[in-house]
């Protein structure tokens, strides 16, 4: 829900500054691509270069996806990944017995779920006035040209 609200707010703010759809798309790529790349899922957190870690910490995608993953896998037990004997020697995939092991591998903790919700609400509260101002400017600028 929070990710949807943030997406709409960012979409309105970017779209309000654009003359047409093509220009609006040009605004989205520099905003969303770093968030996608450095949210800790395409490039794992421990492989993000130190000079890009700040993008990880300001990425609202990271907080939304981390919260969803924590919600899904905390206190979960995997039953389908228990190779034994020669299968264990030939297994190249990471095999987790519990969701907590997976969360640990992703540098996430169950306690981050509440923190992530609060941070997402903070992003929403911060973006509402920005979006309002951008849309208001676009409307008044458009009304003046009519």
N, C-alpha and C. Protein backbone atom coordinates (compact mmCIF):
# COMPACT_ATOMS: atom_id res chain seq x y z
N UNK A 1 0.81 -1.19 0.00
CA UNK A 1 0.00 0.00 0.00
C UNK A 1 0.86 1.26 0.00
N UNK A 2 1.87 1.30 0.89
CA UNK A 2 2.72 2.48 1.00
C UNK A 2 3.52 2.72 -0.29
N UNK A 3 3.99 1.63 -0.89
CA UNK A 3 4.74 1.76 -2.14
C UNK A 3 3.86 2.32 -3.25
N UNK A 4 2.60 1.90 -3.28
CA UNK A 4 1.67 2.43 -4.27
C UNK A 4 1.44 3.92 -4.07
N UNK A 5 1.23 4.33 -2.83
CA UNK A 5 1.01 5.74 -2.54
C UNK A 5 2.25 6.55 -2.94
N UNK A 6 3.43 6.06 -2.60
CA UNK A 6 4.65 6.78 -2.98
C UNK A 6 4.82 6.83 -4.49
N UNK A 7 4.52 5.75 -5.16
CA UNK A 7 4.61 5.73 -6.62
C UNK A 7 3.69 6.74 -7.26
N UNK A 8 2.48 6.85 -6.75
CA UNK A 8 1.52 7.83 -7.27
C UNK A 8 2.03 9.24 -7.01
N UNK A 9 2.53 9.49 -5.80
CA UNK A 9 3.02 10.82 -5.47
C UNK A 9 4.20 11.21 -6.36
N UNK A 10 5.15 10.33 -6.53
CA UNK A 10 6.31 10.61 -7.37
C UNK A 10 5.85 10.79 -8.82
N UNK A 11 4.91 9.97 -9.26
CA UNK A 11 4.38 10.09 -10.61
C UNK A 11 3.71 11.43 -10.85
N UNK A 12 2.90 11.87 -9.93
CA UNK A 12 2.25 13.18 -10.04
C UNK A 12 3.28 14.31 -10.05
N UNK A 13 4.25 14.24 -9.15
CA UNK A 13 5.26 15.30 -9.06
C UNK A 13 6.08 15.38 -10.34
N UNK A 14 6.50 14.24 -10.87
CA UNK A 14 7.29 14.24 -12.10
C UNK A 14 6.43 14.64 -13.30
N UNK A 15 5.23 14.11 -13.36
CA UNK A 15 4.34 14.40 -14.48
C UNK A 15 3.92 15.85 -14.53
N UNK A 16 3.81 16.48 -13.38
CA UNK A 16 3.40 17.89 -13.33
C UNK A 16 4.47 18.80 -13.93
N UNK A 17 5.72 18.36 -13.94
CA UNK A 17 6.80 19.18 -14.50
C UNK A 17 7.02 18.93 -15.98
N UNK A 18 6.38 17.94 -16.54
CA UNK A 18 6.63 17.55 -17.93
C UNK A 18 5.62 18.18 -18.87
N UNK A 19 6.07 18.43 -20.08
CA UNK A 19 5.19 18.96 -21.11
C UNK A 19 4.36 17.87 -21.76
N UNK A 20 4.92 16.66 -21.82
CA UNK A 20 4.22 15.53 -22.43
C UNK A 20 4.70 14.23 -21.78
N UNK A 21 4.13 13.12 -22.23
CA UNK A 21 4.44 11.81 -21.63
C UNK A 21 5.90 11.44 -21.85
N UNK A 22 6.43 11.72 -23.01
CA UNK A 22 7.83 11.39 -23.31
C UNK A 22 8.78 12.10 -22.35
N UNK A 23 8.54 13.36 -22.11
CA UNK A 23 9.39 14.11 -21.17
C UNK A 23 9.25 13.56 -19.76
N UNK A 24 8.06 13.17 -19.39
CA UNK A 24 7.82 12.59 -18.07
C UNK A 24 8.61 11.30 -17.89
N UNK A 25 8.66 10.48 -18.94
CA UNK A 25 9.43 9.23 -18.87
C UNK A 25 10.91 9.53 -18.67
N UNK A 26 11.40 10.61 -19.25
CA UNK A 26 12.81 10.98 -19.07
C UNK A 26 13.12 11.36 -17.63
N UNK A 27 12.15 11.83 -16.89
CA UNK A 27 12.35 12.16 -15.48
C UNK A 27 12.39 10.91 -14.60
N UNK A 28 11.64 9.89 -14.99
CA UNK A 28 11.52 8.71 -14.14
C UNK A 28 12.78 7.85 -14.12
N UNK A 29 13.46 7.74 -15.24
CA UNK A 29 14.62 6.86 -15.31
C UNK A 29 15.70 7.25 -14.30
N UNK A 30 16.12 8.52 -14.22
CA UNK A 30 17.14 8.85 -13.22
C UNK A 30 16.66 8.72 -11.77
N UNK A 31 15.34 8.75 -11.55
CA UNK A 31 14.83 8.63 -10.19
C UNK A 31 14.70 7.14 -9.80
N UNK A 32 14.14 6.34 -10.66
CA UNK A 32 13.83 4.96 -10.29
C UNK A 32 14.96 3.95 -10.52
N UNK A 33 15.78 4.14 -11.54
CA UNK A 33 16.83 3.15 -11.81
C UNK A 33 17.82 2.99 -10.65
N UNK A 34 18.33 4.08 -10.06
CA UNK A 34 19.22 3.88 -8.91
C UNK A 34 18.52 3.18 -7.75
N UNK A 35 17.23 3.48 -7.55
CA UNK A 35 16.49 2.82 -6.48
C UNK A 35 16.36 1.32 -6.75
N UNK A 36 16.11 0.97 -8.00
CA UNK A 36 16.00 -0.45 -8.35
C UNK A 36 17.34 -1.15 -8.20
N UNK A 37 18.39 -0.53 -8.69
CA UNK A 37 19.71 -1.16 -8.65
C UNK A 37 20.25 -1.31 -7.23
N UNK A 38 20.07 -0.27 -6.42
CA UNK A 38 20.71 -0.24 -5.11
C UNK A 38 19.76 -0.48 -3.96
N UNK A 39 18.62 -1.12 -4.21
CA UNK A 39 17.68 -1.44 -3.14
C UNK A 39 18.11 -2.69 -2.38
N UNK A 40 19.17 -3.35 -2.83
CA UNK A 40 19.70 -4.51 -2.12
C UNK A 40 19.23 -5.84 -2.68
N UNK A 41 18.52 -5.82 -3.80
CA UNK A 41 18.00 -7.07 -4.35
C UNK A 41 18.63 -7.40 -5.70
N UNK A 42 18.79 -6.44 -6.58
CA UNK A 42 19.53 -6.69 -7.83
C UNK A 42 21.02 -6.75 -7.53
N UNK A 43 21.49 -5.83 -6.75
CA UNK A 43 22.86 -5.85 -6.24
C UNK A 43 22.74 -6.03 -4.73
N UNK A 44 23.17 -7.19 -4.20
CA UNK A 44 23.06 -7.41 -2.75
C UNK A 44 23.80 -6.32 -1.96
N UNK A 45 23.28 -6.03 -0.78
CA UNK A 45 23.82 -4.94 0.04
C UNK A 45 25.32 -5.05 0.23
N UNK A 46 25.83 -6.24 0.50
CA UNK A 46 27.26 -6.39 0.77
C UNK A 46 28.12 -6.23 -0.48
N UNK A 47 27.49 -6.13 -1.68
CA UNK A 47 28.23 -5.90 -2.91
C UNK A 47 28.07 -4.47 -3.45
N UNK A 48 27.28 -3.66 -2.77
CA UNK A 48 27.11 -2.27 -3.18
C UNK A 48 28.37 -1.51 -2.79
N UNK A 49 29.00 -0.81 -3.75
CA UNK A 49 30.21 -0.03 -3.40
C UNK A 49 29.89 1.02 -2.33
N UNK A 50 30.87 1.31 -1.50
CA UNK A 50 30.68 2.23 -0.38
C UNK A 50 30.14 3.59 -0.83
N UNK A 51 30.56 4.05 -2.00
CA UNK A 51 30.13 5.37 -2.45
C UNK A 51 28.69 5.38 -2.98
N UNK A 52 28.02 4.20 -3.07
CA UNK A 52 26.62 4.13 -3.47
C UNK A 52 25.70 3.67 -2.34
N UNK A 53 26.24 3.41 -1.16
CA UNK A 53 25.43 2.92 -0.04
C UNK A 53 24.37 3.95 0.35
N UNK A 54 24.64 5.23 0.19
CA UNK A 54 23.67 6.26 0.52
C UNK A 54 22.40 6.10 -0.30
N UNK A 55 22.51 5.62 -1.54
CA UNK A 55 21.32 5.41 -2.38
C UNK A 55 20.46 4.30 -1.77
N UNK A 56 21.11 3.27 -1.23
CA UNK A 56 20.39 2.20 -0.55
C UNK A 56 19.56 2.76 0.60
N UNK A 57 20.13 3.66 1.36
CA UNK A 57 19.45 4.20 2.55
C UNK A 57 18.34 5.20 2.23
N UNK A 58 18.36 5.82 1.05
CA UNK A 58 17.28 6.75 0.70
C UNK A 58 16.27 6.14 -0.28
N UNK A 59 16.42 4.87 -0.60
CA UNK A 59 15.54 4.20 -1.56
C UNK A 59 14.25 3.75 -0.88
N UNK A 60 13.12 4.36 -1.26
CA UNK A 60 11.85 3.91 -0.67
C UNK A 60 11.50 2.51 -1.16
N UNK A 61 12.01 2.10 -2.32
CA UNK A 61 11.78 0.72 -2.78
C UNK A 61 12.42 -0.28 -1.83
N UNK A 62 13.59 0.06 -1.33
CA UNK A 62 14.30 -0.82 -0.40
C UNK A 62 13.48 -1.05 0.86
N UNK A 63 12.91 0.02 1.41
CA UNK A 63 12.14 -0.12 2.65
C UNK A 63 10.84 -0.90 2.42
N UNK A 64 10.19 -0.67 1.29
CA UNK A 64 8.94 -1.38 0.99
C UNK A 64 9.20 -2.86 0.73
N UNK A 65 10.20 -3.16 -0.10
CA UNK A 65 10.48 -4.56 -0.43
C UNK A 65 11.06 -5.31 0.78
N UNK A 66 11.90 -4.66 1.55
CA UNK A 66 12.45 -5.31 2.75
C UNK A 66 11.33 -5.65 3.71
N UNK A 67 10.40 -4.72 3.90
CA UNK A 67 9.27 -4.99 4.79
C UNK A 67 8.43 -6.16 4.30
N UNK A 68 8.20 -6.23 3.00
CA UNK A 68 7.42 -7.34 2.44
C UNK A 68 8.16 -8.67 2.61
N UNK A 69 9.46 -8.67 2.39
CA UNK A 69 10.25 -9.90 2.54
C UNK A 69 10.29 -10.34 4.00
N UNK A 70 10.47 -9.39 4.90
CA UNK A 70 10.48 -9.74 6.33
C UNK A 70 9.13 -10.32 6.73
N UNK A 71 8.06 -9.67 6.28
CA UNK A 71 6.72 -10.15 6.60
C UNK A 71 6.49 -11.56 6.08
N UNK A 72 7.00 -11.85 4.91
CA UNK A 72 6.79 -13.17 4.29
C UNK A 72 7.63 -14.27 4.94
N UNK A 73 8.88 -13.98 5.29
CA UNK A 73 9.80 -15.06 5.65
C UNK A 73 10.19 -15.13 7.13
N UNK A 74 9.80 -14.15 7.97
CA UNK A 74 10.16 -14.29 9.38
C UNK A 74 9.42 -15.49 9.97
N UNK A 75 10.12 -16.24 10.78
CA UNK A 75 9.58 -17.43 11.45
C UNK A 75 9.05 -18.47 10.46
N UNK A 76 9.59 -18.51 9.25
CA UNK A 76 9.17 -19.48 8.24
C UNK A 76 10.17 -20.63 8.20
N UNK A 77 9.67 -21.84 7.97
CA UNK A 77 10.53 -23.01 7.84
C UNK A 77 10.39 -23.56 6.43
N UNK A 78 11.52 -23.66 5.73
CA UNK A 78 11.52 -24.22 4.38
C UNK A 78 11.58 -25.75 4.50
N UNK A 79 10.72 -26.40 3.79
CA UNK A 79 10.67 -27.86 3.86
C UNK A 79 11.22 -28.52 2.61
N UNK A 80 11.44 -27.76 1.55
CA UNK A 80 11.81 -28.37 0.28
C UNK A 80 13.29 -28.31 -0.05
N UNK A 81 14.11 -27.76 0.82
CA UNK A 81 15.53 -27.64 0.51
C UNK A 81 16.36 -28.29 1.60
N UNK A 82 16.43 -29.60 1.55
CA UNK A 82 17.23 -30.33 2.51
C UNK A 82 18.02 -31.42 1.80
N UNK A 83 19.04 -31.03 0.99
CA UNK A 83 19.82 -32.04 0.28
C UNK A 83 20.62 -32.90 1.26
N UNK A 84 20.70 -34.17 0.95
CA UNK A 84 21.45 -35.10 1.80
C UNK A 84 22.42 -35.89 0.95
N UNK A 85 23.45 -36.41 1.56
CA UNK A 85 24.40 -37.26 0.87
C UNK A 85 25.10 -36.56 -0.27
N UNK A 86 25.16 -37.23 -1.43
CA UNK A 86 25.87 -36.68 -2.59
C UNK A 86 25.17 -35.45 -3.15
N UNK A 87 23.86 -35.32 -2.91
CA UNK A 87 23.15 -34.12 -3.38
C UNK A 87 23.69 -32.87 -2.68
N UNK A 88 24.02 -32.97 -1.42
CA UNK A 88 24.52 -31.82 -0.67
C UNK A 88 25.86 -31.36 -1.23
N UNK A 89 26.69 -32.30 -1.69
CA UNK A 89 27.99 -31.93 -2.24
C UNK A 89 27.86 -31.24 -3.59
N UNK A 90 26.84 -31.60 -4.37
CA UNK A 90 26.67 -31.06 -5.71
C UNK A 90 25.75 -29.85 -5.76
N UNK A 91 25.16 -29.49 -4.65
CA UNK A 91 24.21 -28.38 -4.61
C UNK A 91 24.96 -27.05 -4.64
N UNK A 92 24.71 -26.23 -5.67
CA UNK A 92 25.38 -24.94 -5.80
C UNK A 92 24.50 -23.79 -5.33
N UNK A 93 23.24 -24.05 -5.07
CA UNK A 93 22.32 -23.00 -4.63
C UNK A 93 22.34 -22.88 -3.12
N UNK A 94 22.10 -21.67 -2.65
CA UNK A 94 21.99 -21.48 -1.20
C UNK A 94 20.74 -22.19 -0.71
N UNK A 95 20.88 -22.95 0.34
CA UNK A 95 19.76 -23.71 0.88
C UNK A 95 19.50 -23.21 2.31
N UNK A 96 18.32 -22.70 2.52
CA UNK A 96 17.97 -22.15 3.83
C UNK A 96 16.96 -23.06 4.50
N UNK A 97 17.20 -23.36 5.75
CA UNK A 97 16.24 -24.15 6.52
C UNK A 97 15.14 -23.27 7.08
N UNK A 98 15.49 -22.02 7.40
CA UNK A 98 14.50 -21.11 7.98
C UNK A 98 14.52 -19.77 7.23
N UNK A 99 13.42 -19.06 7.35
CA UNK A 99 13.34 -17.73 6.77
C UNK A 99 14.29 -16.76 7.44
N UNK A 100 14.56 -16.98 8.72
CA UNK A 100 15.49 -16.11 9.44
C UNK A 100 16.90 -16.20 8.87
N UNK A 101 17.30 -17.39 8.37
CA UNK A 101 18.59 -17.53 7.72
C UNK A 101 18.62 -16.71 6.43
N UNK A 102 17.54 -16.77 5.67
CA UNK A 102 17.43 -15.99 4.44
C UNK A 102 17.50 -14.49 4.75
N UNK A 103 16.76 -14.06 5.77
CA UNK A 103 16.78 -12.65 6.16
C UNK A 103 18.19 -12.22 6.57
N UNK A 104 18.88 -13.07 7.30
CA UNK A 104 20.25 -12.76 7.71
C UNK A 104 21.17 -12.61 6.51
N UNK A 105 20.96 -13.46 5.49
CA UNK A 105 21.76 -13.38 4.28
C UNK A 105 21.48 -12.08 3.51
N UNK A 106 20.28 -11.55 3.65
CA UNK A 106 19.90 -10.29 2.99
C UNK A 106 20.15 -9.07 3.87
N UNK A 107 20.81 -9.28 5.02
CA UNK A 107 21.09 -8.21 5.99
C UNK A 107 19.80 -7.57 6.51
N UNK A 108 18.78 -8.38 6.73
CA UNK A 108 17.51 -7.90 7.27
C UNK A 108 17.24 -8.58 8.60
N UNK A 109 16.52 -7.87 9.46
CA UNK A 109 16.11 -8.43 10.74
C UNK A 109 14.61 -8.25 10.90
N UNK A 110 14.00 -9.13 11.65
CA UNK A 110 12.56 -9.04 11.87
C UNK A 110 12.16 -7.71 12.49
N UNK A 111 13.05 -7.14 13.30
CA UNK A 111 12.73 -5.88 13.96
C UNK A 111 12.67 -4.70 12.98
N UNK A 112 13.17 -4.87 11.76
CA UNK A 112 13.15 -3.79 10.77
C UNK A 112 11.76 -3.53 10.20
N UNK A 113 10.83 -4.46 10.39
CA UNK A 113 9.50 -4.31 9.77
C UNK A 113 8.79 -3.05 10.25
N UNK A 114 8.73 -2.82 11.53
CA UNK A 114 8.08 -1.62 12.06
C UNK A 114 8.82 -0.37 11.67
N UNK A 115 10.15 -0.43 11.73
CA UNK A 115 10.97 0.71 11.33
C UNK A 115 10.71 1.08 9.88
N UNK A 116 10.61 0.07 9.01
CA UNK A 116 10.38 0.33 7.59
C UNK A 116 9.03 0.99 7.35
N UNK A 117 8.01 0.58 8.09
CA UNK A 117 6.69 1.20 7.94
C UNK A 117 6.75 2.67 8.34
N UNK A 118 7.43 2.96 9.44
CA UNK A 118 7.56 4.35 9.90
C UNK A 118 8.33 5.18 8.87
N UNK A 119 9.39 4.62 8.31
CA UNK A 119 10.17 5.34 7.30
C UNK A 119 9.33 5.59 6.04
N UNK A 120 8.55 4.60 5.62
CA UNK A 120 7.69 4.78 4.45
C UNK A 120 6.63 5.86 4.70
N UNK A 121 6.07 5.88 5.90
CA UNK A 121 5.10 6.93 6.24
C UNK A 121 5.81 8.29 6.21
N UNK A 122 7.05 8.34 6.66
CA UNK A 122 7.83 9.57 6.59
C UNK A 122 8.04 10.03 5.15
N UNK A 123 8.35 9.09 4.26
CA UNK A 123 8.48 9.43 2.83
C UNK A 123 7.17 10.00 2.30
N UNK A 124 6.06 9.38 2.65
CA UNK A 124 4.75 9.84 2.18
C UNK A 124 4.48 11.25 2.69
N UNK A 125 4.71 11.47 3.98
CA UNK A 125 4.48 12.80 4.57
C UNK A 125 5.38 13.84 3.90
N UNK A 126 6.61 13.47 3.57
CA UNK A 126 7.52 14.41 2.92
C UNK A 126 7.11 14.69 1.48
N UNK A 127 6.61 13.67 0.77
CA UNK A 127 6.26 13.84 -0.64
C UNK A 127 4.92 14.53 -0.86
N UNK A 128 4.01 14.48 0.08
CA UNK A 128 2.68 15.10 -0.12
C UNK A 128 2.80 16.59 -0.41
N UNK A 129 3.51 17.38 0.41
CA UNK A 129 3.59 18.80 0.07
C UNK A 129 4.36 19.07 -1.23
N UNK A 130 5.40 18.28 -1.49
CA UNK A 130 6.16 18.45 -2.73
C UNK A 130 5.26 18.19 -3.93
N UNK A 131 4.49 17.10 -3.87
CA UNK A 131 3.58 16.77 -4.96
C UNK A 131 2.50 17.83 -5.10
N UNK A 132 1.96 18.27 -3.99
CA UNK A 132 0.91 19.30 -4.02
C UNK A 132 1.43 20.57 -4.70
N UNK A 133 2.61 21.00 -4.31
CA UNK A 133 3.18 22.23 -4.88
C UNK A 133 3.44 22.06 -6.37
N UNK A 134 3.98 20.91 -6.77
CA UNK A 134 4.27 20.69 -8.19
C UNK A 134 2.99 20.67 -9.02
N UNK A 135 1.97 20.00 -8.54
CA UNK A 135 0.70 19.95 -9.27
C UNK A 135 0.04 21.33 -9.28
N UNK A 136 0.07 22.04 -8.16
CA UNK A 136 -0.51 23.39 -8.09
C UNK A 136 0.18 24.33 -9.07
N UNK A 137 1.52 24.26 -9.14
CA UNK A 137 2.26 25.09 -10.11
C UNK A 137 1.88 24.75 -11.54
N UNK A 138 1.75 23.46 -11.84
CA UNK A 138 1.38 23.06 -13.19
C UNK A 138 -0.01 23.55 -13.56
N UNK A 139 -0.94 23.49 -12.62
CA UNK A 139 -2.30 23.94 -12.89
C UNK A 139 -2.34 25.45 -13.08
N UNK A 140 -1.66 26.19 -12.19
CA UNK A 140 -1.71 27.65 -12.31
C UNK A 140 -0.95 28.13 -13.55
N UNK A 141 0.14 27.46 -13.90
CA UNK A 141 0.89 27.83 -15.09
C UNK A 141 0.06 27.53 -16.34
N UNK A 142 -0.63 26.40 -16.33
CA UNK A 142 -1.48 26.04 -17.47
C UNK A 142 -2.68 26.98 -17.58
N UNK A 143 -3.25 27.38 -16.44
CA UNK A 143 -4.40 28.28 -16.46
C UNK A 143 -4.00 29.66 -16.96
N UNK A 144 -2.77 30.08 -16.68
CA UNK A 144 -2.32 31.39 -17.12
C UNK A 144 -2.11 31.45 -18.62
N UNK A 145 -1.78 30.30 -19.22
CA UNK A 145 -1.55 30.26 -20.67
C UNK A 145 -2.84 30.12 -21.47
N UNK A 146 -3.94 29.83 -20.85
CA UNK A 146 -5.19 29.60 -21.57
C UNK A 146 -5.86 30.88 -21.95
